[in-house]
Full PDB file with SEQRES, HELIX, SHEET, SSBOND, CRYST1, ORIGX, SCALE, CONECT and MASTER records, all heavy atoms in Angstrom:
SEQRES   1 A   35  LEU ARG LEU SER CYS ALA ALA SER GLY PHE THR LEU ASP          
SEQRES   2 A   35  TYR TYR ALA ILE GLY TRP PHE ARG GLN ALA PRO GLY LYS          
SEQRES   3 A   35  GLU ARG GLU GLY VAL SER CYS ILE SER                          
HELIX    1 AA1 LEU A   12  TYR A   14  5                                   3    
SHEET    1 AA1 2 ILE A  17  ARG A  21  0                                        
SHEET    2 AA1 2 GLU A  29  ILE A  34 -1                                        
CRYST1    1.000    1.000    1.000  90.00  90.00  90.00 P 1           1          
ORIGX1      1.000000  0.000000  0.000000        0.00000                         
ORIGX2      0.000000  1.000000  0.000000        0.00000                         
ORIGX3      0.000000  0.000000  1.000000        0.00000                         
SCALE1      1.000000  0.000000  0.000000        0.00000                         
SCALE2      0.000000  1.000000  0.000000        0.00000                         
SCALE3      0.000000  0.000000  1.000000        0.00000                         
ATOM      1  N   LEU A   1       3.803   0.160  15.108  1.00  0.00           N  
ATOM      2  CA  LEU A   1       2.982   1.185  14.486  1.00  0.00           C  
ATOM      3  C   LEU A   1       1.914   0.495  13.654  1.00  0.00           C  
ATOM      4  O   LEU A   1       2.138  -0.611  13.138  1.00  0.00           O  
ATOM      5  CB  LEU A   1       3.804   2.094  13.576  1.00  0.00           C  
ATOM      6  CG  LEU A   1       4.715   3.135  14.196  1.00  0.00           C  
ATOM      7  CD1 LEU A   1       5.563   3.801  13.110  1.00  0.00           C  
ATOM      8  CD2 LEU A   1       3.926   4.188  14.965  1.00  0.00           C  
ATOM      9  N   ARG A   2       0.798   1.162  13.478  1.00  0.00           N  
ATOM     10  CA  ARG A   2      -0.221   0.678  12.555  1.00  0.00           C  
ATOM     11  C   ARG A   2      -0.477   1.747  11.500  1.00  0.00           C  
ATOM     12  O   ARG A   2      -0.930   2.849  11.825  1.00  0.00           O  
ATOM     13  CB  ARG A   2      -1.528   0.321  13.254  1.00  0.00           C  
ATOM     14  CG  ARG A   2      -2.516  -0.365  12.303  1.00  0.00           C  
ATOM     15  CD  ARG A   2      -3.796  -0.804  12.973  1.00  0.00           C  
ATOM     16  NE  ARG A   2      -4.717   0.303  13.177  1.00  0.00           N  
ATOM     17  CZ  ARG A   2      -6.031   0.149  13.333  1.00  0.00           C  
ATOM     18  NH1 ARG A   2      -6.562  -1.082  13.300  1.00  0.00           N  
ATOM     19  NH2 ARG A   2      -6.822   1.187  13.531  1.00  0.00           N  
ATOM     20  N   LEU A   3      -0.194   1.410  10.281  1.00  0.00           N  
ATOM     21  CA  LEU A   3      -0.456   2.311   9.164  1.00  0.00           C  
ATOM     22  C   LEU A   3      -1.851   2.056   8.616  1.00  0.00           C  
ATOM     23  O   LEU A   3      -2.304   0.920   8.578  1.00  0.00           O  
ATOM     24  CB  LEU A   3       0.580   2.113   8.063  1.00  0.00           C  
ATOM     25  CG  LEU A   3       2.047   2.254   8.448  1.00  0.00           C  
ATOM     26  CD1 LEU A   3       2.921   2.122   7.206  1.00  0.00           C  
ATOM     27  CD2 LEU A   3       2.316   3.541   9.166  1.00  0.00           C  
ATOM     28  N   SER A   4      -2.488   3.128   8.189  1.00  0.00           N  
ATOM     29  CA  SER A   4      -3.803   3.032   7.567  1.00  0.00           C  
ATOM     30  C   SER A   4      -3.731   3.570   6.148  1.00  0.00           C  
ATOM     31  O   SER A   4      -2.974   4.506   5.866  1.00  0.00           O  
ATOM     32  CB  SER A   4      -4.840   3.840   8.359  1.00  0.00           C  
ATOM     33  OG  SER A   4      -4.975   3.359   9.668  1.00  0.00           O  
ATOM     34  N   CYS A   5      -4.519   2.986   5.295  1.00  0.00           N  
ATOM     35  CA  CYS A   5      -4.640   3.433   3.901  1.00  0.00           C  
ATOM     36  C   CYS A   5      -6.128   3.578   3.627  1.00  0.00           C  
ATOM     37  O   CYS A   5      -6.838   2.578   3.466  1.00  0.00           O  
ATOM     38  CB  CYS A   5      -3.997   2.424   2.967  1.00  0.00           C  
ATOM     39  SG  CYS A   5      -4.255   2.746   1.209  1.00  0.00           S  
ATOM     40  N   ALA A   6      -6.596   4.816   3.606  1.00  0.00           N  
ATOM     41  CA  ALA A   6      -8.019   5.086   3.415  1.00  0.00           C  
ATOM     42  C   ALA A   6      -8.283   5.503   1.976  1.00  0.00           C  
ATOM     43  O   ALA A   6      -7.561   6.335   1.416  1.00  0.00           O  
ATOM     44  CB  ALA A   6      -8.469   6.183   4.367  1.00  0.00           C  
ATOM     45  N   ALA A   7      -9.312   4.909   1.410  1.00  0.00           N  
ATOM     46  CA  ALA A   7      -9.661   5.206   0.023  1.00  0.00           C  
ATOM     47  C   ALA A   7     -10.860   6.136  -0.039  1.00  0.00           C  
ATOM     48  O   ALA A   7     -11.779   6.047   0.776  1.00  0.00           O  
ATOM     49  CB  ALA A   7      -9.975   3.928  -0.729  1.00  0.00           C  
ATOM     50  N   SER A   8     -10.840   7.028  -0.998  1.00  0.00           N  
ATOM     51  CA  SER A   8     -12.001   7.873  -1.274  1.00  0.00           C  
ATOM     52  C   SER A   8     -12.205   7.922  -2.776  1.00  0.00           C  
ATOM     53  O   SER A   8     -11.259   7.857  -3.548  1.00  0.00           O  
ATOM     54  CB  SER A   8     -11.812   9.277  -0.711  1.00  0.00           C  
ATOM     55  OG  SER A   8     -10.689   9.904  -1.301  1.00  0.00           O  
ATOM     56  N   GLY A   9     -13.461   8.016  -3.160  1.00  0.00           N  
ATOM     57  CA  GLY A   9     -13.777   8.082  -4.580  1.00  0.00           C  
ATOM     58  C   GLY A   9     -13.933   6.719  -5.230  1.00  0.00           C  
ATOM     59  O   GLY A   9     -14.295   6.643  -6.406  1.00  0.00           O  
ATOM     60  N   PHE A  10     -13.654   5.670  -4.505  1.00  0.00           N  
ATOM     61  CA  PHE A  10     -13.858   4.318  -5.030  1.00  0.00           C  
ATOM     62  C   PHE A  10     -13.955   3.343  -3.861  1.00  0.00           C  
ATOM     63  O   PHE A  10     -13.589   3.665  -2.734  1.00  0.00           O  
ATOM     64  CB  PHE A  10     -12.747   3.907  -6.003  1.00  0.00           C  
ATOM     65  CG  PHE A  10     -11.375   3.784  -5.396  1.00  0.00           C  
ATOM     66  CD1 PHE A  10     -10.807   2.546  -5.177  1.00  0.00           C  
ATOM     67  CD2 PHE A  10     -10.643   4.914  -5.059  1.00  0.00           C  
ATOM     68  CE1 PHE A  10      -9.540   2.435  -4.638  1.00  0.00           C  
ATOM     69  CE2 PHE A  10      -9.368   4.816  -4.524  1.00  0.00           C  
ATOM     70  CZ  PHE A  10      -8.819   3.563  -4.303  1.00  0.00           C  
ATOM     71  N   THR A  11     -14.462   2.147  -4.168  1.00  0.00           N  
ATOM     72  CA  THR A  11     -14.676   1.136  -3.137  1.00  0.00           C  
ATOM     73  C   THR A  11     -13.561   0.110  -3.192  1.00  0.00           C  
ATOM     74  O   THR A  11     -13.337  -0.523  -4.225  1.00  0.00           O  
ATOM     75  CB  THR A  11     -16.030   0.443  -3.353  1.00  0.00           C  
ATOM     76  OG1 THR A  11     -17.064   1.425  -3.349  1.00  0.00           O  
ATOM     77  CG2 THR A  11     -16.292  -0.574  -2.261  1.00  0.00           C  
ATOM     78  N   LEU A  12     -12.874  -0.067  -2.067  1.00  0.00           N  
ATOM     79  CA  LEU A  12     -11.728  -0.970  -2.035  1.00  0.00           C  
ATOM     80  C   LEU A  12     -12.094  -2.430  -2.220  1.00  0.00           C  
ATOM     81  O   LEU A  12     -11.225  -3.260  -2.486  1.00  0.00           O  
ATOM     82  CB  LEU A  12     -10.959  -0.802  -0.727  1.00  0.00           C  
ATOM     83  CG  LEU A  12     -10.054   0.426  -0.616  1.00  0.00           C  
ATOM     84  CD1 LEU A  12      -9.356   0.438   0.736  1.00  0.00           C  
ATOM     85  CD2 LEU A  12      -9.040   0.460  -1.742  1.00  0.00           C  
ATOM     86  N   ASP A  13     -13.374  -2.755  -2.072  1.00  0.00           N  
ATOM     87  CA  ASP A  13     -13.814  -4.154  -2.211  1.00  0.00           C  
ATOM     88  C   ASP A  13     -13.315  -4.782  -3.504  1.00  0.00           C  
ATOM     89  O   ASP A  13     -13.044  -5.978  -3.550  1.00  0.00           O  
ATOM     90  CB  ASP A  13     -15.342  -4.232  -2.233  1.00  0.00           C  
ATOM     91  CG  ASP A  13     -15.988  -3.716  -0.977  1.00  0.00           C  
ATOM     92  OD1 ASP A  13     -15.482  -2.722  -0.434  1.00  0.00           O  
ATOM     93  OD2 ASP A  13     -16.993  -4.294  -0.548  1.00  0.00           O  
ATOM     94  N   TYR A  14     -13.211  -3.994  -4.563  1.00  0.00           N  
ATOM     95  CA  TYR A  14     -12.902  -4.534  -5.876  1.00  0.00           C  
ATOM     96  C   TYR A  14     -11.424  -4.415  -6.233  1.00  0.00           C  
ATOM     97  O   TYR A  14     -11.035  -4.636  -7.374  1.00  0.00           O  
ATOM     98  CB  TYR A  14     -13.746  -3.817  -6.934  1.00  0.00           C  
ATOM     99  CG  TYR A  14     -15.216  -3.905  -6.655  1.00  0.00           C  
ATOM    100  CD1 TYR A  14     -15.923  -2.810  -6.162  1.00  0.00           C  
ATOM    101  CD2 TYR A  14     -15.912  -5.095  -6.853  1.00  0.00           C  
ATOM    102  CE1 TYR A  14     -17.274  -2.889  -5.884  1.00  0.00           C  
ATOM    103  CE2 TYR A  14     -17.265  -5.182  -6.575  1.00  0.00           C  
ATOM    104  CZ  TYR A  14     -17.942  -4.079  -6.092  1.00  0.00           C  
ATOM    105  OH  TYR A  14     -19.269  -4.169  -5.816  1.00  0.00           O  
ATOM    106  N   TYR A  15     -10.617  -4.075  -5.236  1.00  0.00           N  
ATOM    107  CA  TYR A  15      -9.218  -3.781  -5.503  1.00  0.00           C  
ATOM    108  C   TYR A  15      -8.279  -4.648  -4.669  1.00  0.00           C  
ATOM    109  O   TYR A  15      -8.573  -4.958  -3.507  1.00  0.00           O  
ATOM    110  CB  TYR A  15      -8.909  -2.316  -5.186  1.00  0.00           C  
ATOM    111  CG  TYR A  15      -9.529  -1.350  -6.154  1.00  0.00           C  
ATOM    112  CD1 TYR A  15     -10.889  -1.087  -6.133  1.00  0.00           C  
ATOM    113  CD2 TYR A  15      -8.745  -0.704  -7.105  1.00  0.00           C  
ATOM    114  CE1 TYR A  15     -11.458  -0.209  -7.040  1.00  0.00           C  
ATOM    115  CE2 TYR A  15      -9.306   0.188  -8.006  1.00  0.00           C  
ATOM    116  CZ  TYR A  15     -10.663   0.428  -7.964  1.00  0.00           C  
ATOM    117  OH  TYR A  15     -11.222   1.300  -8.866  1.00  0.00           O  
ATOM    118  N   ALA A  16      -7.176  -5.020  -5.272  1.00  0.00           N  
ATOM    119  CA  ALA A  16      -6.055  -5.559  -4.499  1.00  0.00           C  
ATOM    120  C   ALA A  16      -5.245  -4.374  -3.996  1.00  0.00           C  
ATOM    121  O   ALA A  16      -5.119  -3.352  -4.685  1.00  0.00           O  
ATOM    122  CB  ALA A  16      -5.202  -6.467  -5.363  1.00  0.00           C  
ATOM    123  N   ILE A  17      -4.690  -4.516  -2.817  1.00  0.00           N  
ATOM    124  CA  ILE A  17      -3.951  -3.425  -2.173  1.00  0.00           C  
ATOM    125  C   ILE A  17      -2.541  -3.882  -1.827  1.00  0.00           C  
ATOM    126  O   ILE A  17      -2.344  -4.983  -1.315  1.00  0.00           O  
ATOM    127  CB  ILE A  17      -4.654  -2.977  -0.883  1.00  0.00           C  
ATOM    128  CG1 ILE A  17      -6.122  -2.640  -1.154  1.00  0.00           C  
ATOM    129  CG2 ILE A  17      -3.922  -1.779  -0.279  1.00  0.00           C  
ATOM    130  CD1 ILE A  17      -6.344  -1.521  -2.119  1.00  0.00           C  
ATOM    131  N   GLY A  18      -1.601  -3.023  -2.111  1.00  0.00           N  
ATOM    132  CA  GLY A  18      -0.218  -3.312  -1.753  1.00  0.00           C  
ATOM    133  C   GLY A  18       0.370  -2.232  -0.880  1.00  0.00           C  
ATOM    134  O   GLY A  18      -0.053  -1.074  -0.937  1.00  0.00           O  
ATOM    135  N   TRP A  19       1.315  -2.621  -0.063  1.00  0.00           N  
ATOM    136  CA  TRP A  19       2.120  -1.664   0.718  1.00  0.00           C  
ATOM    137  C   TRP A  19       3.556  -1.759   0.207  1.00  0.00           C  
ATOM    138  O   TRP A  19       4.099  -2.865   0.056  1.00  0.00           O  
ATOM    139  CB  TRP A  19       2.104  -1.984   2.205  1.00  0.00           C  
ATOM    140  CG  TRP A  19       0.872  -1.530   2.919  1.00  0.00           C  
ATOM    141  CD1 TRP A  19      -0.213  -2.278   3.256  1.00  0.00           C  
ATOM    142  CD2 TRP A  19       0.608  -0.208   3.404  1.00  0.00           C  
ATOM    143  NE1 TRP A  19      -1.139  -1.506   3.916  1.00  0.00           N  
ATOM    144  CE2 TRP A  19      -0.660  -0.230   4.024  1.00  0.00           C  
ATOM    145  CE3 TRP A  19       1.316   0.997   3.403  1.00  0.00           C  
ATOM    146  CZ2 TRP A  19      -1.236   0.894   4.621  1.00  0.00           C  
ATOM    147  CZ3 TRP A  19       0.752   2.111   3.997  1.00  0.00           C  
ATOM    148  CH2 TRP A  19      -0.510   2.061   4.590  1.00  0.00           C  
ATOM    149  N   PHE A  20       4.147  -0.600  -0.006  1.00  0.00           N  
ATOM    150  CA  PHE A  20       5.520  -0.488  -0.474  1.00  0.00           C  
ATOM    151  C   PHE A  20       6.266   0.472   0.434  1.00  0.00           C  
ATOM    152  O   PHE A  20       5.655   1.233   1.178  1.00  0.00           O  
ATOM    153  CB  PHE A  20       5.555   0.038  -1.916  1.00  0.00           C  
ATOM    154  CG  PHE A  20       4.924  -0.896  -2.914  1.00  0.00           C  
ATOM    155  CD1 PHE A  20       3.539  -0.956  -3.051  1.00  0.00           C  
ATOM    156  CD2 PHE A  20       5.706  -1.696  -3.720  1.00  0.00           C  
ATOM    157  CE1 PHE A  20       2.951  -1.818  -3.955  1.00  0.00           C  
ATOM    158  CE2 PHE A  20       5.136  -2.558  -4.637  1.00  0.00           C  
ATOM    159  CZ  PHE A  20       3.751  -2.622  -4.759  1.00  0.00           C  
ATOM    160  N   ARG A  21       7.575   0.448   0.361  1.00  0.00           N  
ATOM    161  CA  ARG A  21       8.357   1.413   1.118  1.00  0.00           C  
ATOM    162  C   ARG A  21       9.577   1.820   0.313  1.00  0.00           C  
ATOM    163  O   ARG A  21      10.060   1.060  -0.534  1.00  0.00           O  
ATOM    164  CB  ARG A  21       8.769   0.844   2.473  1.00  0.00           C  
ATOM    165  CG  ARG A  21       9.731  -0.334   2.424  1.00  0.00           C  
ATOM    166  CD  ARG A  21       9.934  -0.896   3.823  1.00  0.00           C  
ATOM    167  NE  ARG A  21      10.873  -2.018   3.842  1.00  0.00           N  
ATOM    168  CZ  ARG A  21      11.126  -2.747   4.909  1.00  0.00           C  
ATOM    169  NH1 ARG A  21      10.503  -2.486   6.058  1.00  0.00           N  
ATOM    170  NH2 ARG A  21      11.991  -3.736   4.840  1.00  0.00           N  
ATOM    171  N   GLN A  22      10.058   3.017   0.627  1.00  0.00           N  
ATOM    172  CA  GLN A  22      11.239   3.530  -0.058  1.00  0.00           C  
ATOM    173  C   GLN A  22      12.111   4.272   0.933  1.00  0.00           C  
ATOM    174  O   GLN A  22      11.690   5.276   1.513  1.00  0.00           O  
ATOM    175  CB  GLN A  22      10.844   4.446  -1.211  1.00  0.00           C  
ATOM    176  CG  GLN A  22      12.012   4.846  -2.091  1.00  0.00           C  
ATOM    177  CD  GLN A  22      11.556   5.457  -3.404  1.00  0.00           C  
ATOM    178  OE1 GLN A  22      10.417   5.900  -3.557  1.00  0.00           O  
ATOM    179  NE2 GLN A  22      12.448   5.468  -4.389  1.00  0.00           N  
ATOM    180  N   ALA A  23      13.300   3.744   1.121  1.00  0.00           N  
ATOM    181  CA  ALA A  23      14.277   4.381   1.989  1.00  0.00           C  
ATOM    182  C   ALA A  23      15.137   5.331   1.151  1.00  0.00           C  
ATOM    183  O   ALA A  23      15.251   5.158  -0.063  1.00  0.00           O  
ATOM    184  CB  ALA A  23      15.147   3.326   2.660  1.00  0.00           C  
ATOM    185  N   PRO A  24      15.752   6.331   1.781  1.00  0.00           N  
ATOM    186  CA  PRO A  24      16.587   7.279   1.039  1.00  0.00           C  
ATOM    187  C   PRO A  24      17.666   6.573   0.230  1.00  0.00           C  
ATOM    188  O   PRO A  24      18.380   5.714   0.754  1.00  0.00           O  
ATOM    189  CB  PRO A  24      17.188   8.151   2.137  1.00  0.00           C  
ATOM    190  CG  PRO A  24      16.219   8.068   3.253  1.00  0.00           C  
ATOM    191  CD  PRO A  24      15.671   6.675   3.211  1.00  0.00           C  
ATOM    192  N   GLY A  25      17.763   6.905  -1.040  1.00  0.00           N  
ATOM    193  CA  GLY A  25      18.795   6.335  -1.887  1.00  0.00           C  
ATOM    194  C   GLY A  25      18.526   4.927  -2.370  1.00  0.00           C  
ATOM    195  O   GLY A  25      19.373   4.325  -3.033  1.00  0.00           O  
ATOM    196  N   LYS A  26      17.346   4.402  -2.050  1.00  0.00           N  
ATOM    197  CA  LYS A  26      17.017   3.035  -2.450  1.00  0.00           C  
ATOM    198  C   LYS A  26      15.768   3.021  -3.324  1.00  0.00           C  
ATOM    199  O   LYS A  26      14.968   3.959  -3.318  1.00  0.00           O  
ATOM    200  CB  LYS A  26      16.800   2.150  -1.227  1.00  0.00           C  
ATOM    201  CG  LYS A  26      18.054   1.943  -0.385  1.00  0.00           C  
ATOM    202  CD  LYS A  26      17.815   0.923   0.701  1.00  0.00           C  
ATOM    203  CE  LYS A  26      19.086   0.650   1.492  1.00  0.00           C  
ATOM    204  NZ  LYS A  26      18.866  -0.382   2.552  1.00  0.00           N  
ATOM    205  N   GLU A  27      15.604   1.929  -4.046  1.00  0.00           N  
ATOM    206  CA  GLU A  27      14.418   1.772  -4.874  1.00  0.00           C  
ATOM    207  C   GLU A  27      13.213   1.421  -3.996  1.00  0.00           C  
ATOM    208  O   GLU A  27      13.355   0.894  -2.896  1.00  0.00           O  
ATOM    209  CB  GLU A  27      14.643   0.673  -5.907  1.00  0.00           C  
ATOM    210  CG  GLU A  27      15.672   1.017  -6.965  1.00  0.00           C  
ATOM    211  CD  GLU A  27      15.717  -0.010  -8.069  1.00  0.00           C  
ATOM    212  OE1 GLU A  27      15.029  -1.036  -7.957  1.00  0.00           O  
ATOM    213  OE2 GLU A  27      16.465   0.207  -9.039  1.00  0.00           O  
ATOM    214  N   ARG A  28      12.039   1.724  -4.535  1.00  0.00           N  
ATOM    215  CA  ARG A  28      10.812   1.357  -3.835  1.00  0.00           C  
ATOM    216  C   ARG A  28      10.685  -0.173  -3.840  1.00  0.00           C  
ATOM    217  O   ARG A  28      10.853  -0.806  -4.885  1.00  0.00           O  
ATOM    218  CB  ARG A  28       9.616   2.005  -4.510  1.00  0.00           C  
ATOM    219  CG  ARG A  28       8.338   1.925  -3.722  1.00  0.00           C  
ATOM    220  CD  ARG A  28       7.265   2.819  -4.308  1.00  0.00           C  
ATOM    221  NE  ARG A  28       7.641   4.227  -4.277  1.00  0.00           N  
ATOM    222  CZ  ARG A  28       6.820   5.223  -4.561  1.00  0.00           C  
ATOM    223  NH1 ARG A  28       5.566   4.964  -4.903  1.00  0.00           N  
ATOM    224  NH2 ARG A  28       7.233   6.464  -4.524  1.00  0.00           N  
ATOM    225  N   GLU A  29      10.377  -0.718  -2.678  1.00  0.00           N  
ATOM    226  CA  GLU A  29      10.273  -2.169  -2.573  1.00  0.00           C  
ATOM    227  C   GLU A  29       8.910  -2.571  -2.030  1.00  0.00           C  
ATOM    228  O   GLU A  29       8.305  -1.864  -1.223  1.00  0.00           O  
ATOM    229  CB  GLU A  29      11.375  -2.738  -1.669  1.00  0.00           C  
ATOM    230  CG  GLU A  29      11.310  -2.293  -0.231  1.00  0.00           C  
ATOM    231  CD  GLU A  29      12.260  -3.063   0.672  1.00  0.00           C  
ATOM    232  OE1 GLU A  29      12.769  -4.114   0.261  1.00  0.00           O  
ATOM    233  OE2 GLU A  29      12.459  -2.608   1.816  1.00  0.00           O  
ATOM    234  N   GLY A  30       8.456  -3.735  -2.476  1.00  0.00           N  
ATOM    235  CA  GLY A  30       7.186  -4.254  -2.012  1.00  0.00           C  
ATOM    236  C   GLY A  30       7.313  -4.859  -0.635  1.00  0.00           C  
ATOM    237  O   GLY A  30       8.281  -5.572  -0.344  1.00  0.00           O  
ATOM    238  N   VAL A  31       6.356  -4.562   0.221  1.00  0.00           N  
ATOM    239  CA  VAL A  31       6.358  -5.047   1.596  1.00  0.00           C  
ATOM    240  C   VAL A  31       5.309  -6.139   1.781  1.00  0.00           C  
ATOM    241  O   VAL A  31       5.598  -7.208   2.316  1.00  0.00           O  
ATOM    242  CB  VAL A  31       6.090  -3.885   2.568  1.00  0.00           C  
ATOM    243  CG1 VAL A  31       5.925  -4.398   3.988  1.00  0.00           C  
ATOM    244  CG2 VAL A  31       7.211  -2.857   2.489  1.00  0.00           C  
ATOM    245  N   SER A  32       4.095  -5.847   1.328  1.00  0.00           N  
ATOM    246  CA  SER A  32       2.986  -6.774   1.553  1.00  0.00           C  
ATOM    247  C   SER A  32       1.851  -6.428   0.611  1.00  0.00           C  
ATOM    248  O   SER A  32       1.801  -5.326   0.054  1.00  0.00           O  
ATOM    249  CB  SER A  32       2.506  -6.657   3.009  1.00  0.00           C  
ATOM    250  OG  SER A  32       1.433  -7.544   3.272  1.00  0.00           O  
ATOM    251  N   CYS A  33       0.962  -7.378   0.407  1.00  0.00           N  
ATOM    252  CA  CYS A  33      -0.243  -7.093  -0.366  1.00  0.00           C  
ATOM    253  C   CYS A  33      -1.360  -8.022   0.089  1.00  0.00           C  
ATOM    254  O   CYS A  33      -1.112  -9.052   0.727  1.00  0.00           O  
ATOM    255  CB  CYS A  33      -0.002  -7.214  -1.869  1.00  0.00           C  
ATOM    256  SG  CYS A  33       0.342  -8.876  -2.468  1.00  0.00           S  
ATOM    257  N   ILE A  34      -2.587  -7.601  -0.231  1.00  0.00           N  
ATOM    258  CA  ILE A  34      -3.761  -8.387   0.111  1.00  0.00           C  
ATOM    259  C   ILE A  34      -4.666  -8.434  -1.110  1.00  0.00           C  
ATOM    260  O   ILE A  34      -4.934  -7.415  -1.743  1.00  0.00           O  
ATOM    261  CB  ILE A  34      -4.477  -7.824   1.355  1.00  0.00           C  
ATOM    262  CG1 ILE A  34      -5.619  -8.732   1.799  1.00  0.00           C  
ATOM    263  CG2 ILE A  34      -4.955  -6.390   1.137  1.00  0.00           C  
ATOM    264  CD1 ILE A  34      -6.113  -8.433   3.216  1.00  0.00           C  
ATOM    265  N   SER A  35      -5.123  -9.643  -1.435  1.00  0.00           N  
ATOM    266  CA  SER A  35      -5.925  -9.832  -2.635  1.00  0.00           C  
ATOM    267  C   SER A  35      -7.339  -9.316  -2.427  1.00  0.00           C  
ATOM    268  O   SER A  35      -7.763  -9.034  -1.308  1.00  0.00           O  
ATOM    269  CB  SER A  35      -5.945 -11.322  -3.001  1.00  0.00           C  
ATOM    270  OG  SER A  35      -4.632 -11.779  -3.235  1.00  0.00           O  
TER     271      SER A  35                                                      
MASTER        0    0    0    1    2    0    0    6  270    1    0    3          
END                                                                             
């Protein structure tokens, strides 16, 4: 699968972005990030 994260109202150029996931009954965990 390919997930997309689209931003509106601001420019992603100036932001670091992270992907997280949360399974039922579990804490949210970090998956990946890009500087």
